PDB file of N, CA and C in Angstrom:
ATOM      1  N   MET A   1     116.603 -70.846 -88.792  1.00  0.00           N
ATOM      2  CA  MET A   1     115.200 -70.817 -88.441  1.00  0.00           C
ATOM      3  C   MET A   1     114.448 -70.158 -89.576  1.00  0.00           C
ATOM      4  N   ARG A   2     113.433 -70.830 -90.011  1.00  0.00           N
ATOM      5  CA  ARG A   2     112.661 -70.261 -91.100  1.00  0.00           C
ATOM      6  C   ARG A   2     112.030 -68.976 -90.623  1.00  0.00           C
ATOM      7  N   SER A   3     111.553 -68.274 -91.507  1.00  0.00           N
ATOM      8  CA  SER A   3     110.927 -67.017 -91.158  1.00  0.00           C
ATOM      9  C   SER A   3     109.795 -67.369 -90.242  1.00  0.00           C
ATOM     10  N   PHE A   4     110.139 -68.155 -89.350  1.00  0.00           N
ATOM     11  CA  PHE A   4     109.252 -68.761 -88.409  1.00  0.00           C
ATOM     12  C   PHE A   4     108.587 -67.737 -87.583  1.00  0.00           C
ATOM     13  N   ILE A   5     109.120 -66.798 -87.447  1.00  0.00           N
ATOM     14  CA  ILE A   5     108.515 -65.929 -86.510  1.00  0.00           C
ATOM     15  C   ILE A   5     107.224 -65.534 -87.099  1.00  0.00           C
ATOM     16  N   LEU A   6     106.886 -66.392 -87.611  1.00  0.00           N
ATOM     17  CA  LEU A   6     105.661 -66.963 -87.933  1.00  0.00           C
ATOM     18  C   LEU A   6     104.751 -66.190 -87.208  1.00  0.00           C
ATOM     19  N   SER A   7     105.331 -65.893 -86.822  1.00  0.00           N
ATOM     20  CA  SER A   7     105.366 -64.964 -85.865  1.00  0.00           C
ATOM     21  C   SER A   7     104.136 -64.340 -86.021  1.00  0.00           C
ATOM     22  N   VAL A   8     104.105 -64.051 -86.185  1.00  0.00           N
ATOM     23  CA  VAL A   8     103.440 -63.321 -85.245  1.00  0.00           C
ATOM     24  C   VAL A   8     102.229 -62.786 -85.852  1.00  0.00           C
ATOM     25  N   SER A   9     101.592 -63.813 -86.027  1.00  0.00           N
ATOM     26  CA  SER A   9     100.209 -63.553 -86.240  1.00  0.00           C
ATOM     27  C   SER A   9      99.757 -63.148 -84.868  1.00  0.00           C
ATOM     28  N   LEU A  10     100.632 -63.315 -83.984  1.00  0.00           N
ATOM     29  CA  LEU A  10     100.442 -62.944 -82.603  1.00  0.00           C
ATOM     30  C   LEU A  10     100.136 -61.473 -82.489  1.00  0.00           C
ATOM     31  N   ILE A  11     100.912 -60.683 -83.168  1.00  0.00           N
ATOM     32  CA  ILE A  11     100.686 -59.262 -83.069  1.00  0.00           C
ATOM     33  C   ILE A  11      99.326 -58.922 -83.628  1.00  0.00           C
ATOM     34  N   ALA A  12      98.821 -59.737 -84.484  1.00  0.00           N
ATOM     35  CA  ALA A  12      97.496 -59.481 -85.031  1.00  0.00           C
ATOM     36  C   ALA A  12      96.470 -59.380 -83.916  1.00  0.00           C
ATOM     37  N   LEU A  13      96.726 -60.052 -82.827  1.00  0.00           N
ATOM     38  CA  LEU A  13      95.803 -59.993 -81.707  1.00  0.00           C
ATOM     39  C   LEU A  13      95.738 -58.590 -81.119  1.00  0.00           C
ATOM     40  N   ALA A  14      96.835 -57.876 -81.211  1.00  0.00           N
ATOM     41  CA  ALA A  14      96.883 -56.547 -80.629  1.00  0.00           C
ATOM     42  C   ALA A  14      96.798 -55.446 -81.675  1.00  0.00           C
ATOM     43  N   ALA A  15      96.797 -55.814 -82.932  1.00  0.00           N
ATOM     44  CA  ALA A  15      96.776 -54.824 -84.004  1.00  0.00           C
ATOM     45  C   ALA A  15      95.367 -54.287 -84.211  1.00  0.00           C
ATOM     46  N   PRO A  16      95.268 -53.053 -84.647  1.00  0.00           N
ATOM     47  CA  PRO A  16      93.948 -52.501 -84.942  1.00  0.00           C
ATOM     48  C   PRO A  16      93.285 -53.293 -86.061  1.00  0.00           C
ATOM     49  N   ALA A  17      91.979 -53.287 -86.062  1.00  0.00           N
ATOM     50  CA  ALA A  17      91.232 -54.052 -87.056  1.00  0.00           C
ATOM     51  C   ALA A  17      91.580 -53.638 -88.477  1.00  0.00           C
ATOM     52  N   SER A  18      91.985 -52.405 -88.655  1.00  0.00           N
ATOM     53  CA  SER A  18      92.301 -51.928 -89.997  1.00  0.00           C
ATOM     54  C   SER A  18      93.647 -52.439 -90.497  1.00  0.00           C
ATOM     55  N   ALA A  19      94.475 -52.932 -89.589  1.00  0.00           N
ATOM     56  CA  ALA A  19      95.782 -53.434 -90.002  1.00  0.00           C
ATOM     57  C   ALA A  19      95.615 -54.788 -90.671  1.00  0.00           C
ATOM     58  N   GLN A  20      96.485 -55.069 -91.624  1.00  0.00           N
ATOM     59  CA  GLN A  20      96.429 -56.348 -92.303  1.00  0.00           C
ATOM     60  C   GLN A  20      96.956 -57.430 -91.367  1.00  0.00           C
ATOM     61  N   ALA A  21      96.180 -58.460 -91.182  1.00  0.00           N
ATOM     62  CA  ALA A  21      96.599 -59.554 -90.314  1.00  0.00           C
ATOM     63  C   ALA A  21      97.649 -60.393 -91.021  1.00  0.00           C
ATOM     64  N   PRO A  22      98.677 -60.791 -90.306  1.00  0.00           N
ATOM     65  CA  PRO A  22      99.701 -61.626 -90.903  1.00  0.00           C
ATOM     66  C   PRO A  22      99.153 -63.011 -91.187  1.00  0.00           C
ATOM     67  N   ASN A  23      99.750 -63.686 -92.128  1.00  0.00           N
ATOM     68  CA  ASN A  23      99.311 -65.015 -92.518  1.00  0.00           C
ATOM     69  C   ASN A  23     100.255 -66.093 -92.010  1.00  0.00           C
ATOM     70  N   ARG A  24     101.076 -65.780 -91.070  1.00  0.00           N
ATOM     71  CA  ARG A  24     102.038 -66.745 -90.558  1.00  0.00           C
ATOM     72  C   ARG A  24     101.585 -67.224 -89.185  1.00  0.00           C
ATOM     73  N   GLY A  25     102.038 -68.408 -88.829  1.00  0.00           N
ATOM     74  CA  GLY A  25     101.775 -68.911 -87.509  1.00  0.00           C
ATOM     75  C   GLY A  25     100.535 -69.779 -87.443  1.00  0.00           C
ATOM     76  N   ASN A  26     100.143 -70.111 -86.231  1.00  0.00           N
ATOM     77  CA  ASN A  26      98.952 -70.911 -86.001  1.00  0.00           C
ATOM     78  C   ASN A  26      98.337 -70.496 -84.673  1.00  0.00           C
ATOM     79  N   ALA A  27      97.242 -71.120 -84.314  1.00  0.00           N
ATOM     80  CA  ALA A  27      96.529 -70.730 -83.095  1.00  0.00           C
ATOM     81  C   ALA A  27      97.381 -70.911 -81.842  1.00  0.00           C
ATOM     82  N   ASP A  28      98.182 -71.982 -81.778  1.00  0.00           N
ATOM     83  CA  ASP A  28      99.042 -72.190 -80.611  1.00  0.00           C
ATOM     84  C   ASP A  28     100.065 -71.072 -80.469  1.00  0.00           C
ATOM     85  N   LEU A  29     100.645 -70.667 -81.578  1.00  0.00           N
ATOM     86  CA  LEU A  29     101.612 -69.565 -81.524  1.00  0.00           C
ATOM     87  C   LEU A  29     100.928 -68.280 -81.093  1.00  0.00           C
ATOM     88  N   GLN A  30      99.766 -68.027 -81.644  1.00  0.00           N
ATOM     89  CA  GLN A  30      99.040 -66.808 -81.290  1.00  0.00           C
ATOM     90  C   GLN A  30      98.723 -66.790 -79.803  1.00  0.00           C
ATOM     91  N   ALA A  31      98.244 -67.907 -79.290  1.00  0.00           N
ATOM     92  CA  ALA A  31      97.853 -67.979 -77.889  1.00  0.00           C
ATOM     93  C   ALA A  31      99.049 -67.905 -76.947  1.00  0.00           C
ATOM     94  N   ASN A  32     100.146 -68.525 -77.335  1.00  0.00           N
ATOM     95  CA  ASN A  32     101.288 -68.638 -76.424  1.00  0.00           C
ATOM     96  C   ASN A  32     102.354 -67.576 -76.587  1.00  0.00           C
ATOM     97  N   CYS A  33     102.353 -66.851 -77.698  1.00  0.00           N
ATOM     98  CA  CYS A  33     103.432 -65.895 -77.952  1.00  0.00           C
ATOM     99  C   CYS A  33     102.977 -64.442 -78.064  1.00  0.00           C
ATOM    100  N   ALA A  34     101.689 -64.190 -78.016  1.00  0.00           N
ATOM    101  CA  ALA A  34     101.208 -62.815 -78.188  1.00  0.00           C
ATOM    102  C   ALA A  34     101.811 -61.877 -77.148  1.00  0.00           C
ATOM    103  N   GLY A  35     101.817 -62.294 -75.902  1.00  0.00           N
ATOM    104  CA  GLY A  35     102.374 -61.454 -74.839  1.00  0.00           C
ATOM    105  C   GLY A  35     103.854 -61.191 -75.028  1.00  0.00           C
ATOM    106  N   ASP A  36     104.582 -62.220 -75.442  1.00  0.00           N
ATOM    107  CA  ASP A  36     106.015 -62.071 -75.679  1.00  0.00           C
ATOM    108  C   ASP A  36     106.273 -61.120 -76.847  1.00  0.00           C
ATOM    109  N   ALA A  37     105.474 -61.255 -77.891  1.00  0.00           N
ATOM    110  CA  ALA A  37     105.637 -60.380 -79.049  1.00  0.00           C
ATOM    111  C   ALA A  37     105.414 -58.926 -78.649  1.00  0.00           C
ATOM    112  N   LEU A  38     104.405 -58.705 -77.841  1.00  0.00           N
ATOM    113  CA  LEU A  38     104.134 -57.337 -77.390  1.00  0.00           C
ATOM    114  C   LEU A  38     105.217 -56.838 -76.448  1.00  0.00           C
ATOM    115  N   ALA A  39     105.695 -57.705 -75.574  1.00  0.00           N
ATOM    116  CA  ALA A  39     106.704 -57.299 -74.600  1.00  0.00           C
ATOM    117  C   ALA A  39     108.051 -56.995 -75.239  1.00  0.00           C
ATOM    118  N   PHE A  40     108.438 -57.797 -76.223  1.00  0.00           N
ATOM    119  CA  PHE A  40     109.791 -57.675 -76.768  1.00  0.00           C
ATOM    120  C   PHE A  40     109.860 -57.046 -78.154  1.00  0.00           C
ATOM    121  N   CYS A  41     108.745 -57.037 -78.881  1.00  0.00           N
ATOM    122  CA  CYS A  41     108.802 -56.607 -80.282  1.00  0.00           C
ATOM    123  C   CYS A  41     107.673 -55.636 -80.648  1.00  0.00           C
ATOM    124  N   ALA A  42     107.137 -54.944 -79.684  1.00  0.00           N
ATOM    125  CA  ALA A  42     106.030 -54.024 -79.939  1.00  0.00           C
ATOM    126  C   ALA A  42     106.412 -52.990 -80.989  1.00  0.00           C
ATOM    127  N   GLY A  43     105.465 -52.693 -81.853  1.00  0.00           N
ATOM    128  CA  GLY A  43     105.670 -51.665 -82.857  1.00  0.00           C
ATOM    129  C   GLY A  43     106.325 -52.155 -84.136  1.00  0.00           C
ATOM    130  N   ILE A  44     106.658 -53.418 -84.199  1.00  0.00           N
ATOM    131  CA  ILE A  44     107.296 -53.968 -85.388  1.00  0.00           C
ATOM    132  C   ILE A  44     106.245 -54.663 -86.235  1.00  0.00           C
ATOM    133  N   ASP A  45     106.292 -54.447 -87.535  1.00  0.00           N
ATOM    134  CA  ASP A  45     105.372 -55.099 -88.460  1.00  0.00           C
ATOM    135  C   ASP A  45     105.534 -56.609 -88.318  1.00  0.00           C
ATOM    136  N   PRO A  46     104.447 -57.330 -87.988  1.00  0.00           N
ATOM    137  CA  PRO A  46     104.570 -58.772 -87.759  1.00  0.00           C
ATOM    138  C   PRO A  46     104.957 -59.576 -88.985  1.00  0.00           C
ATOM    139  N   ASN A  47     104.817 -59.019 -90.169  1.00  0.00           N
ATOM    140  CA  ASN A  47     105.177 -59.735 -91.392  1.00  0.00           C
ATOM    141  C   ASN A  47     106.568 -59.370 -91.898  1.00  0.00           C
ATOM    142  N   SER A  48     107.306 -58.650 -91.105  1.00  0.00           N
ATOM    143  CA  SER A  48     108.588 -58.127 -91.576  1.00  0.00           C
ATOM    144  C   SER A  48     109.781 -58.960 -91.112  1.00  0.00           C
ATOM    145  N   PRO A  49     110.869 -58.820 -91.825  1.00  0.00           N
ATOM    146  CA  PRO A  49     112.117 -59.457 -91.381  1.00  0.00           C
ATOM    147  C   PRO A  49     112.565 -58.930 -90.018  1.00  0.00           C
ATOM    148  N   GLN A  50     112.190 -57.697 -89.695  1.00  0.00           N
ATOM    149  CA  GLN A  50     112.556 -57.123 -88.396  1.00  0.00           C
ATOM    150  C   GLN A  50     111.893 -57.891 -87.254  1.00  0.00           C
ATOM    151  N   MET A  51     110.661 -58.367 -87.477  1.00  0.00           N
ATOM    152  CA  MET A  51     109.990 -59.161 -86.446  1.00  0.00           C
ATOM    153  C   MET A  51     110.713 -60.482 -86.261  1.00  0.00           C
ATOM    154  N   ASP A  52     111.102 -61.101 -87.358  1.00  0.00           N
ATOM    155  CA  ASP A  52     111.860 -62.347 -87.266  1.00  0.00           C
ATOM    156  C   ASP A  52     113.133 -62.120 -86.457  1.00  0.00           C
ATOM    157  N   ALA A  53     113.838 -61.049 -86.761  1.00  0.00           N
ATOM    158  CA  ALA A  53     115.086 -60.735 -86.071  1.00  0.00           C
ATOM    159  C   ALA A  53     114.842 -60.467 -84.593  1.00  0.00           C
ATOM    160  N   CYS A  54     113.750 -59.794 -84.287  1.00  0.00           N
ATOM    161  CA  CYS A  54     113.423 -59.493 -82.891  1.00  0.00           C
ATOM    162  C   CYS A  54     113.178 -60.779 -82.111  1.00  0.00           C
ATOM    163  N   PHE A  55     112.408 -61.710 -82.689  1.00  0.00           N
ATOM    164  CA  PHE A  55     112.168 -62.981 -82.002  1.00  0.00           C
ATOM    165  C   PHE A  55     113.470 -63.752 -81.816  1.00  0.00           C
ATOM    166  N   LYS A  56     114.293 -63.796 -82.838  1.00  0.00           N
ATOM    167  CA  LYS A  56     115.566 -64.518 -82.727  1.00  0.00           C
ATOM    168  C   LYS A  56     116.430 -63.902 -81.632  1.00  0.00           C
ATOM    169  N   LYS A  57     116.482 -62.584 -81.614  1.00  0.00           N
ATOM    170  CA  LYS A  57     117.296 -61.870 -80.623  1.00  0.00           C
ATOM    171  C   LYS A  57     116.807 -62.138 -79.207  1.00  0.00           C
ATOM    172  N   ASN A  58     115.500 -62.227 -79.037  1.00  0.00           N
ATOM    173  CA  ASN A  58     114.913 -62.344 -77.704  1.00  0.00           C
ATOM    174  C   ASN A  58     114.464 -63.754 -77.339  1.00  0.00           C
ATOM    175  N   MET A  59     114.824 -64.745 -78.141  1.00  0.00           N
ATOM    176  CA  MET A  59     114.333 -66.104 -77.913  1.00  0.00           C
ATOM    177  C   MET A  59     114.591 -66.583 -76.487  1.00  0.00           C
ATOM    178  N   SER A  60     115.735 -66.288 -75.943  1.00  0.00           N
ATOM    179  CA  SER A  60     116.048 -66.766 -74.592  1.00  0.00           C
ATOM    180  C   SER A  60     115.178 -66.093 -73.538  1.00  0.00           C
ATOM    181  N   ARG A  61     114.561 -64.987 -73.870  1.00  0.00           N
ATOM    182  CA  ARG A  61     113.713 -64.252 -72.937  1.00  0.00           C
ATOM    183  C   ARG A  61     112.232 -64.594 -73.110  1.00  0.00           C
ATOM    184  N   MET A  62     111.903 -65.315 -74.180  1.00  0.00           N
ATOM    185  CA  MET A  62     110.506 -65.667 -74.438  1.00  0.00           C
ATOM    186  C   MET A  62     110.023 -66.637 -73.370  1.00  0.00           C
ATOM    187  N   SER A  63     108.746 -66.640 -73.130  1.00  0.00           N
ATOM    188  CA  SER A  63     108.172 -67.533 -72.126  1.00  0.00           C
ATOM    189  C   SER A  63     108.357 -68.988 -72.560  1.00  0.00           C
ATOM    190  N   PRO A  64     108.408 -69.882 -71.596  1.00  0.00           N
ATOM    191  CA  PRO A  64     108.540 -71.304 -71.941  1.00  0.00           C
ATOM    192  C   PRO A  64     107.408 -71.787 -72.862  1.00  0.00           C
ATOM    193  N   ASN A  65     106.198 -71.330 -72.634  1.00  0.00           N
ATOM    194  CA  ASN A  65     105.080 -71.756 -73.481  1.00  0.00           C
ATOM    195  C   ASN A  65     105.260 -71.269 -74.914  1.00  0.00           C
ATOM    196  N   CYS A  66     105.763 -70.071 -75.086  1.00  0.00           N
ATOM    197  CA  CYS A  66     106.004 -69.547 -76.434  1.00  0.00           C
ATOM    198  C   CYS A  66     107.103 -70.352 -77.113  1.00  0.00           C
ATOM    199  N   ARG A  67     108.188 -70.619 -76.410  1.00  0.00           N
ATOM    200  CA  ARG A  67     109.276 -71.400 -77.005  1.00  0.00           C
ATOM    201  C   ARG A  67     108.794 -72.795 -77.393  1.00  0.00           C
ATOM    202  N   ARG A  68     107.977 -73.411 -76.550  1.00  0.00           N
ATOM    203  CA  ARG A  68     107.433 -74.738 -76.882  1.00  0.00           C
ATOM    204  C   ARG A  68     106.547 -74.664 -78.121  1.00  0.00           C
ATOM    205  N   ALA A  69     105.733 -73.623 -78.221  1.00  0.00           N
ATOM    206  CA  ALA A  69     104.851 -73.464 -79.384  1.00  0.00           C
ATOM    207  C   ALA A  69     105.673 -73.271 -80.655  1.00  0.00           C
ATOM    208  N   ILE A  70     106.744 -72.516 -80.566  1.00  0.00           N
ATOM    209  CA  ILE A  70     107.625 -72.305 -81.715  1.00  0.00           C
ATOM    210  C   ILE A  70     108.285 -73.621 -82.119  1.00  0.00           C
ATOM    211  N   ASP A  71     108.802 -74.356 -81.137  1.00  0.00           N
ATOM    212  CA  ASP A  71     109.437 -75.650 -81.430  1.00  0.00           C
ATOM    213  C   ASP A  71     108.448 -76.605 -82.096  1.00  0.00           C
ATOM    214  N   ALA A  72     107.238 -76.690 -81.565  1.00  0.00           N
ATOM    215  CA  ALA A  72     106.225 -77.584 -82.130  1.00  0.00           C
ATOM    216  C   ALA A  72     105.864 -77.165 -83.546  1.00  0.00           C
ATOM    217  N   TYR A  73     105.762 -75.864 -83.769  1.00  0.00           N
ATOM    218  CA  TYR A  73     105.435 -75.339 -85.092  1.00  0.00           C
ATOM    219  C   TYR A  73     106.517 -75.736 -86.089  1.00  0.00           C
ATOM    220  N   GLU A  74     107.768 -75.548 -85.703  1.00  0.00           N
ATOM    221  CA  GLU A  74     108.869 -75.857 -86.598  1.00  0.00           C
ATOM    222  C   GLU A  74     108.974 -77.363 -86.853  1.00  0.00           C
ATOM    223  N   LYS A  75     108.775 -78.173 -85.842  1.00  0.00           N
ATOM    224  CA  LYS A  75     108.841 -79.628 -86.006  1.00  0.00           C
ATOM    225  C   LYS A  75     107.692 -80.122 -86.878  1.00  0.00           C
ATOM    226  N   GLY A  76     106.585 -79.402 -86.887  1.00  0.00           N
ATOM    227  CA  GLY A  76     105.453 -79.779 -87.703  1.00  0.00           C
ATOM    228  C   GLY A  76     105.553 -79.267 -89.129  1.00  0.00           C
ATOM    229  N   GLY A  77     106.670 -78.731 -89.484  1.00  0.00           N
ATOM    230  CA  GLY A  77     106.866 -78.236 -90.838  1.00  0.00           C
ATOM    231  C   GLY A  77     106.378 -76.823 -91.054  1.00  0.00           C
ATOM    232  N   GLY A  78     106.082 -76.126 -89.952  1.00  0.00           N
ATOM    233  CA  GLY A  78     105.658 -74.738 -90.086  1.00  0.00           C
ATOM    234  C   GLY A  78     104.248 -74.591 -90.609  1.00  0.00           C
ATOM    235  N   LYS A  79     103.392 -75.562 -90.309  1.00  0.00           N
ATOM    236  CA  LYS A  79     102.011 -75.490 -90.778  1.00  0.00           C
ATOM    237  C   LYS A  79     101.039 -75.651 -89.657  1.00  0.00           C
TER     238      LYS A  79
END
């Protein structure tokens, strides 16, 4: 899986305005995975390899909508 956890521009939704917003992901991922990112990976830098690892570790626990958004993102070439 590419550093798909693309992650988590999702956390950008919950990050303070002063934090640098990640440049990965898309609107569908942000909308569908923000809650999962907060639930399973809170406190992890969204642009880090640790966030990627957290998503991979918790993929089976992610919501169906988040998993679908990730699958669609990856099938679309990650753009």
